[in-house]
Structure formats: structure tokens, C-alpha cells
């Protein structure tokens, strides 16, 4: 049975009446202010090319790791959601089938931030007034798909519509930031900044870590198999990101553990993790040391350090 989609304006406020009244007053003061998003989960290519989004699945399901990881945790193959395979193998290519699978399992998101956000998008951005389910999946797809084909739903138009003052994307330290260069040269007034996400060259457990050190050496001309050369290469890349407008770094470590080793111990640890697969203990110790090193570099260059461990 089709159910209505209604968003209670107090849905994120406390249940206690007095506390909720305070929340309402505070919200009224800020709800019209511009959005400043330091971690926007968006692709800079959207704003560089400003092309229409291809379809609902490509926009709202396949690239959203909060969505596909949740469904995968409940037994769904990520290939069935169109998520590219590491080995380049086949994945579902029909966006309507992907959307139907998502709709059939939408109940799994009940009570999650993803559900709250998706419901807002459907009701407020697309004007849909029935709940998403297997029964309404095609209706949702058709409404959203039609909207995405209009100029009003191009990336830059959405940026302006929702009063975004600044939006920060997140890039690997090895990224050449070509899309940001295009945005900066386009004359468009929207501020889309990059953030320096050094995990690929800080985390020994990151896939391709040692190969990434070689790329880092090629980009900077530094000896990244040497501790001091490695640290200077990281500074060089931070400086490049700052030149491109970055104001922050972003770190997705498994834990918030930090270490402050002597130079000799840090050098020995780096030699172990950079030349062979790291033990679990060495990997965690190195990540902890690098959080300390990154904090020191932030003091030097002024980049704000964002850390979200355990996510």
C-alpha cells in the first residue's frame, strides 16, 4: 500500500517540549544562512563540466558509499548496485534495475542519517509526496530522471539554489586537481575547494601504499624511500594544494591513536613499512606517528586538520 511522504519540521529536534522550543528558536536564527560545507562528498568534475546528471542511480546510489555499504552489509552484492569492481569485471549497467533494488530495500535505512537525507531530497528537491518502496520505485525514477534532464538540476544551478557559500571536495595527495583548475579558470563564482586527503601515502594498509610512494617521488622529485625526503614530499604536495585553494586536510584513519617517536625510531619504522608489507602493530604505529607529523605540518602551513577515525 502506497504511503504518503511527510517530513515533520521538528523531526531532528528533542522530544521534550521545552527543549524543542529552544531548538526551534535557535534553528530559526540560522536556517537562512549560507551553507559552508567542509566535507561535501561531491565530485569536482560535476562543477567543472556542469553537465546534467545521467540518471537517478548514478547520482544517488552508485557513488554513495553510505548507501551501497549499508546494502552490502545486508547481503547485497555491490556489483548489483553498479559499483565498479576492482578487477574491472561486469556490474549492473541498467540504472532502473539498480534503482528498483534500492527501493525494494529502502526499509533497511529506517532510522539512519541516510534515510533522513534521502527523504528530504525526494520531498523538497523533487516534490515527491509518496514514500519510496518497491511499489513506487518506477514513479520515483521517472520523476527524478525527468528533473535531472533540466538546466535547473545541473550542478552549478543546484549549488546556487541551495545558497552554498563554499563546498570542499576531498582529493588524494597524488591528484593533479585538474577539475579544480577548470573550475578556477571558468569564471563561475561558486567556491569549490579541495581538501588534502593523504591516506593513500600515510596508511601502510592502504591498497598500493608502496606504489603510491613511488608516484609521490615522481611528482615531487624527492627521495620518498628516505624519511626526511618522504616528509618533505608531503610538505610539497600540501603546498600545491594550498596554491589550488585548499584550506584543510582530511584524515580517515581507523583510530585516533597518535605517536611521537624519536627521529631514529620513526626512520626505522618508515623503512619497515615502506619496503615490505607492514604488521598490524607497525601499521597502527605508523598511522599514529603520521597524525602527529600532519598536526605539526598544519601548524606550519595553516591547513585545518579534520579527523574522522573509525568510520
Protein backbone atom coordinates (compact mmCIF):
# COMPACT_ATOMS: atom_id res chain seq x y z
CA UNK A 1 0.00 0.00 0.00
CA UNK A 2 1.38 3.39 -1.01
CA UNK A 3 2.10 5.62 1.98
CA UNK A 4 2.47 9.41 1.99
CA UNK A 5 5.87 11.03 2.41
CA UNK A 6 5.61 13.76 5.01
CA UNK A 7 8.52 15.48 6.75
CA UNK A 8 7.80 16.66 10.27
CA UNK A 9 9.54 20.04 10.69
CA UNK A 10 10.60 19.00 14.22
CA UNK A 11 11.94 15.58 13.19
CA UNK A 12 15.51 16.29 14.30
CA UNK A 13 14.61 18.23 17.44
CA UNK A 14 14.38 16.86 21.02
CA UNK A 15 11.08 15.29 22.14
CA UNK A 16 10.89 17.34 25.34
CA UNK A 17 8.60 20.29 24.61
CA UNK A 18 10.68 22.93 26.40
CA UNK A 19 13.95 21.78 24.87
CA UNK A 20 12.32 21.52 21.46
CA UNK A 21 11.11 25.11 21.76
CA UNK A 22 14.71 26.23 22.36
CA UNK A 23 15.86 24.22 19.34
CA UNK A 24 13.19 25.83 17.19
CA UNK A 25 14.31 29.32 18.21
CA UNK A 26 17.96 28.55 17.55
CA UNK A 27 17.18 26.98 14.20
CA UNK A 28 15.11 29.99 13.14
CA UNK A 29 18.20 32.15 13.61
CA UNK A 30 20.43 30.09 11.31
CA UNK A 31 18.23 28.32 8.76
CA UNK A 32 18.58 31.09 6.19
CA UNK A 33 22.34 31.41 6.42
CA UNK A 34 24.59 30.25 3.56
CA UNK A 35 25.90 26.68 3.68
CA UNK A 36 29.60 26.23 4.44
CA UNK A 37 30.43 22.57 3.82
CA UNK A 38 33.98 21.49 4.76
CA UNK A 39 33.44 17.86 3.71
CA UNK A 40 30.97 17.81 0.86
CA UNK A 41 31.16 14.26 -0.59
CA UNK A 42 30.95 15.64 -4.12
CA UNK A 43 32.96 15.13 -7.28
CA UNK A 44 34.72 18.27 -8.54
CA UNK A 45 34.15 17.09 -12.12
CA UNK A 46 30.45 17.87 -11.61
CA UNK A 47 31.18 21.55 -11.21
CA UNK A 48 33.98 21.63 -13.77
CA UNK A 49 31.85 20.20 -16.58
CA UNK A 50 28.43 21.32 -15.29
CA UNK A 51 26.72 18.57 -17.26
CA UNK A 52 23.34 17.06 -16.43
CA UNK A 53 23.45 14.05 -14.11
CA UNK A 54 22.84 10.92 -16.16
CA UNK A 55 20.12 9.24 -14.11
CA UNK A 56 18.86 8.76 -10.53
CA UNK A 57 21.00 5.71 -9.81
CA UNK A 58 24.23 7.32 -10.99
CA UNK A 59 23.59 10.33 -8.78
CA UNK A 60 22.03 8.91 -5.61
CA UNK A 61 23.09 5.26 -5.30
CA UNK A 62 26.19 4.06 -7.14
CA UNK A 63 28.63 6.77 -5.93
CA UNK A 64 27.29 6.96 -2.36
CA UNK A 65 29.35 4.70 -0.10
CA UNK A 66 26.89 5.22 2.77
CA UNK A 67 24.18 3.69 0.58
CA UNK A 68 25.99 0.81 -1.09
CA UNK A 69 27.94 -0.24 2.02
CA UNK A 70 24.72 -0.39 4.02
CA UNK A 71 23.06 -2.60 1.41
CA UNK A 72 26.18 -4.74 1.08
CA UNK A 73 26.17 -5.27 4.86
CA UNK A 74 22.71 -6.79 4.42
CA UNK A 75 23.87 -9.25 1.78
CA UNK A 76 23.51 -7.34 -1.49
CA UNK A 77 26.35 -7.60 -3.99
CA UNK A 78 27.83 -4.20 -4.77
CA UNK A 79 28.00 -5.20 -8.43
CA UNK A 80 24.19 -5.28 -8.41
CA UNK A 81 24.26 -1.58 -7.49
CA UNK A 82 26.60 -0.66 -10.34
CA UNK A 83 29.64 -0.18 -8.11
CA UNK A 84 32.79 -0.74 -10.22
CA UNK A 85 34.80 -3.85 -9.41
CA UNK A 86 38.50 -3.66 -8.61
CA UNK A 87 39.20 -6.30 -11.26
CA UNK A 88 37.17 -4.50 -13.90
CA UNK A 89 34.57 -7.28 -14.03
CA UNK A 90 30.96 -6.79 -15.12
CA UNK A 91 28.48 -4.88 -12.96
CA UNK A 92 24.83 -3.98 -13.35
CA UNK A 93 24.52 -1.33 -16.06
CA UNK A 94 20.74 -0.77 -16.09
CA UNK A 95 20.07 2.24 -13.83
CA UNK A 96 16.37 1.43 -13.44
CA UNK A 97 17.18 -2.07 -12.16
CA UNK A 98 19.66 -0.56 -9.69
CA UNK A 99 17.01 1.91 -8.54
CA UNK A 100 14.42 -0.85 -8.08
CA UNK A 101 16.81 -2.88 -5.94
CA UNK A 102 17.44 0.17 -3.78
CA UNK A 103 13.72 0.88 -3.45
CA UNK A 104 12.93 -2.71 -2.52
CA UNK A 105 15.40 -2.45 0.34
CA UNK A 106 14.78 1.14 1.39
CA UNK A 107 13.22 -0.05 4.66
CA UNK A 108 16.72 -1.10 5.78
CA UNK A 109 17.66 2.58 6.09
CA UNK A 110 14.94 3.33 8.63
CA UNK A 111 16.33 5.48 11.44
CA UNK A 112 19.62 6.26 9.66
CA UNK A 113 21.00 9.67 8.62
CA UNK A 114 20.97 8.42 5.01
CA UNK A 115 17.22 7.84 5.21
CA UNK A 116 16.62 11.29 6.68
CA UNK A 117 18.67 12.92 3.94
CA UNK A 118 17.13 10.90 1.09
CA UNK A 119 13.59 11.62 2.29
CA UNK A 120 14.42 15.34 2.36
CA UNK A 121 15.83 15.19 -1.18
CA UNK A 122 12.77 13.39 -2.51
CA UNK A 123 10.24 15.65 -0.81
CA UNK A 124 11.97 19.02 -1.04
CA UNK A 125 14.16 18.85 -4.15
CA UNK A 126 11.90 16.70 -6.33
CA UNK A 127 8.46 17.32 -4.81
CA UNK A 128 7.55 13.65 -4.36
CA UNK A 129 4.75 13.08 -1.85
CA UNK A 130 4.67 9.26 -1.53
CA UNK A 131 7.21 7.06 0.26
CA UNK A 132 9.84 5.18 -1.68
CA UNK A 133 9.10 1.44 -1.89
CA UNK A 134 9.05 -1.36 -4.44
CA UNK A 135 5.58 -0.18 -5.44
CA UNK A 136 6.63 3.43 -6.07
CA UNK A 137 10.13 2.76 -7.43
CA UNK A 138 9.31 3.48 -11.07
CA UNK A 139 7.34 6.61 -10.19
CA UNK A 140 10.34 7.91 -8.26
CA UNK A 141 12.72 7.05 -11.06
CA UNK A 142 10.63 8.80 -13.70
CA UNK A 143 10.12 11.99 -11.66
CA UNK A 144 13.78 12.28 -10.69
CA UNK A 145 15.07 11.33 -14.14
CA UNK A 146 12.91 13.98 -15.81
CA UNK A 147 14.11 16.65 -13.37
CA UNK A 148 17.75 15.74 -13.86
CA UNK A 149 17.43 16.43 -17.58
CA UNK A 150 16.63 20.12 -16.93
CA UNK A 151 19.03 23.04 -16.52
CA UNK A 152 17.67 23.65 -13.01
CA UNK A 153 19.27 20.41 -11.83
CA UNK A 154 22.73 20.96 -13.26
CA UNK A 155 25.45 21.01 -10.58
CA UNK A 156 26.12 24.74 -10.60
CA UNK A 157 22.40 25.57 -10.57
CA UNK A 158 21.89 23.35 -7.52
CA UNK A 159 24.91 24.94 -5.85
CA UNK A 160 23.33 28.36 -6.29
CA UNK A 161 19.78 27.28 -5.42
CA UNK A 162 20.76 25.93 -2.02
CA UNK A 163 22.77 29.02 -1.11
CA UNK A 164 26.13 27.28 -0.81
CA UNK A 165 28.89 29.71 0.06
CA UNK A 166 31.72 27.18 -0.10
CA UNK A 167 31.91 23.45 -0.72
CA UNK A 168 35.01 21.34 -0.11
CA UNK A 169 35.75 18.15 -2.01
CA UNK A 170 38.41 15.64 -0.92
CA UNK A 171 41.30 14.53 -3.11
CA UNK A 172 44.24 12.16 -2.87
CA UNK A 173 47.63 13.85 -2.34
CA UNK A 174 48.59 12.39 -5.72
CA UNK A 175 45.68 14.08 -7.52
CA UNK A 176 46.65 16.64 -10.16
CA UNK A 177 43.50 18.65 -9.33
CA UNK A 178 42.67 19.15 -13.00
CA UNK A 179 38.95 19.62 -12.29
CA UNK A 180 39.68 22.30 -9.73
CA UNK A 181 41.88 24.07 -12.26
CA UNK A 182 38.95 24.09 -14.70
CA UNK A 183 36.59 25.45 -12.04
CA UNK A 184 39.03 28.19 -11.04
CA UNK A 185 39.53 29.25 -14.66
CA UNK A 186 35.85 29.15 -15.62
CA UNK A 187 34.79 32.50 -14.20
CA UNK A 188 31.99 30.88 -12.23
CA UNK A 189 31.58 32.49 -8.81
CA UNK A 190 30.88 29.29 -6.85
CA UNK A 191 33.66 28.38 -4.39
CA UNK A 192 34.56 24.69 -4.66
CA UNK A 193 37.75 23.98 -2.72
CA UNK A 194 39.87 20.87 -2.44
CA UNK A 195 40.98 19.21 0.80
CA UNK A 196 44.23 17.28 1.14
CA UNK A 197 43.42 13.62 1.96
CA UNK A 198 46.84 11.97 2.45
CA UNK A 199 45.65 8.48 3.48
CA UNK A 200 46.99 6.80 0.29
CA UNK A 201 50.56 7.76 1.26
CA UNK A 202 50.21 7.66 5.07
CA UNK A 203 48.49 4.34 5.71
CA UNK A 204 50.57 1.19 5.12
CA UNK A 205 47.32 -0.79 4.87
CA UNK A 206 46.06 1.39 2.02
CA UNK A 207 45.95 -0.57 -1.23
CA UNK A 208 49.00 0.29 -3.32
CA UNK A 209 50.72 2.20 -0.49
CA UNK A 210 54.28 1.42 -1.59
CA UNK A 211 53.47 2.11 -5.25
CA UNK A 212 51.94 5.42 -4.16
CA UNK A 213 55.24 6.38 -2.56
CA UNK A 214 56.88 5.95 -5.97
CA UNK A 215 54.30 8.23 -7.59
CA UNK A 216 54.87 10.75 -4.80
CA UNK A 217 58.58 10.68 -5.60
CA UNK A 218 57.92 11.25 -9.30
CA UNK A 219 55.62 14.21 -8.59
CA UNK A 220 57.94 15.97 -6.17
CA UNK A 221 61.44 14.89 -7.17
CA UNK A 222 62.05 13.81 -3.57
CA UNK A 223 63.55 10.55 -2.33
CA UNK A 224 60.44 9.07 -0.71
CA UNK A 225 62.30 5.99 0.43
CA UNK A 226 64.16 8.27 2.84
CA UNK A 227 62.30 9.51 5.95
CA UNK A 228 63.25 13.18 5.56
CA UNK A 229 62.65 13.07 1.81
CA UNK A 230 59.26 11.50 2.40
CA UNK A 231 58.23 14.22 4.87
CA UNK A 232 59.40 16.95 2.52
CA UNK A 233 57.44 15.39 -0.34
CA UNK A 234 54.32 15.56 1.81
CA UNK A 235 55.03 19.23 2.50
CA UNK A 236 55.45 19.84 -1.23
CA UNK A 237 52.07 18.33 -2.00
CA UNK A 238 50.42 20.29 0.80
CA UNK A 239 51.90 23.46 -0.69
CA UNK A 240 50.47 22.55 -4.10
CA UNK A 241 47.03 22.01 -2.58
CA UNK A 242 47.26 25.36 -0.81
CA UNK A 243 48.13 27.04 -4.13
CA UNK A 244 44.95 25.45 -5.52
CA UNK A 245 42.84 26.92 -2.74
CA UNK A 246 42.87 24.20 -0.07
CA UNK A 247 42.21 25.31 3.49
CA UNK A 248 42.09 21.91 5.20
CA UNK A 249 43.36 18.36 5.39
CA UNK A 250 41.17 15.31 5.91
CA UNK A 251 42.18 12.04 7.59
CA UNK A 252 40.21 8.80 7.63
CA UNK A 253 42.30 6.67 9.98
CA UNK A 254 40.83 3.56 11.64
CA UNK A 255 41.54 5.04 15.09
CA UNK A 256 42.59 8.35 16.65
CA UNK A 257 45.78 6.80 18.07
CA UNK A 258 48.82 9.09 17.92
CA UNK A 259 52.55 8.53 18.48
CA UNK A 260 55.54 10.80 18.99
CA UNK A 261 58.59 8.72 18.16
CA UNK A 262 62.18 9.82 18.18
CA UNK A 263 63.66 10.57 14.77
CA UNK A 264 65.66 7.34 14.84
CA UNK A 265 62.62 5.22 15.72
CA UNK A 266 60.48 7.00 13.12
CA UNK A 267 63.11 6.39 10.45
CA UNK A 268 63.33 2.70 11.35
CA UNK A 269 59.55 2.34 11.34
CA UNK A 270 59.25 4.07 7.97
CA UNK A 271 61.89 1.80 6.48
CA UNK A 272 59.93 -1.27 7.63
CA UNK A 273 56.54 -0.16 6.29
CA UNK A 274 57.88 1.30 3.03
CA UNK A 275 59.86 -1.76 1.95
CA UNK A 276 57.63 -4.69 2.94
CA UNK A 277 54.05 -5.45 3.99
CA UNK A 278 53.53 -3.95 7.43
CA UNK A 279 52.46 -5.87 10.51
CA UNK A 280 49.23 -4.71 12.13
CA UNK A 281 51.20 -3.19 15.01
CA UNK A 282 53.60 -1.33 12.72
CA UNK A 283 50.76 -0.07 10.52
CA UNK A 284 48.90 1.38 13.51
CA UNK A 285 52.07 2.85 14.98
CA UNK A 286 52.97 4.48 11.67
CA UNK A 287 49.49 5.95 11.23
CA UNK A 288 49.75 7.33 14.76
CA UNK A 289 53.13 8.89 14.04
CA UNK A 290 51.84 10.41 10.82
CA UNK A 291 48.90 12.03 12.59
CA UNK A 292 51.46 13.77 14.78
CA UNK A 293 53.54 14.74 11.74
CA UNK A 294 50.43 16.07 9.96
CA UNK A 295 49.48 18.11 13.03
CA UNK A 296 52.96 19.65 13.05
CA UNK A 297 52.67 20.49 9.35
CA UNK A 298 49.28 22.09 9.96
CA UNK A 299 50.92 24.39 12.49
CA UNK A 300 53.47 25.29 9.82
CA UNK A 301 51.17 25.91 6.86
CA UNK A 302 47.82 26.73 8.50
CA UNK A 303 45.71 23.97 6.98
CA UNK A 304 42.86 22.98 9.29
CA UNK A 305 43.10 19.31 10.23
CA UNK A 306 39.91 17.20 10.03
CA UNK A 307 39.96 13.73 11.57
CA UNK A 308 37.14 11.19 11.47
CA UNK A 309 38.53 7.94 12.90
CA UNK A 310 36.78 4.62 12.86
CA UNK A 311 34.29 5.50 10.13
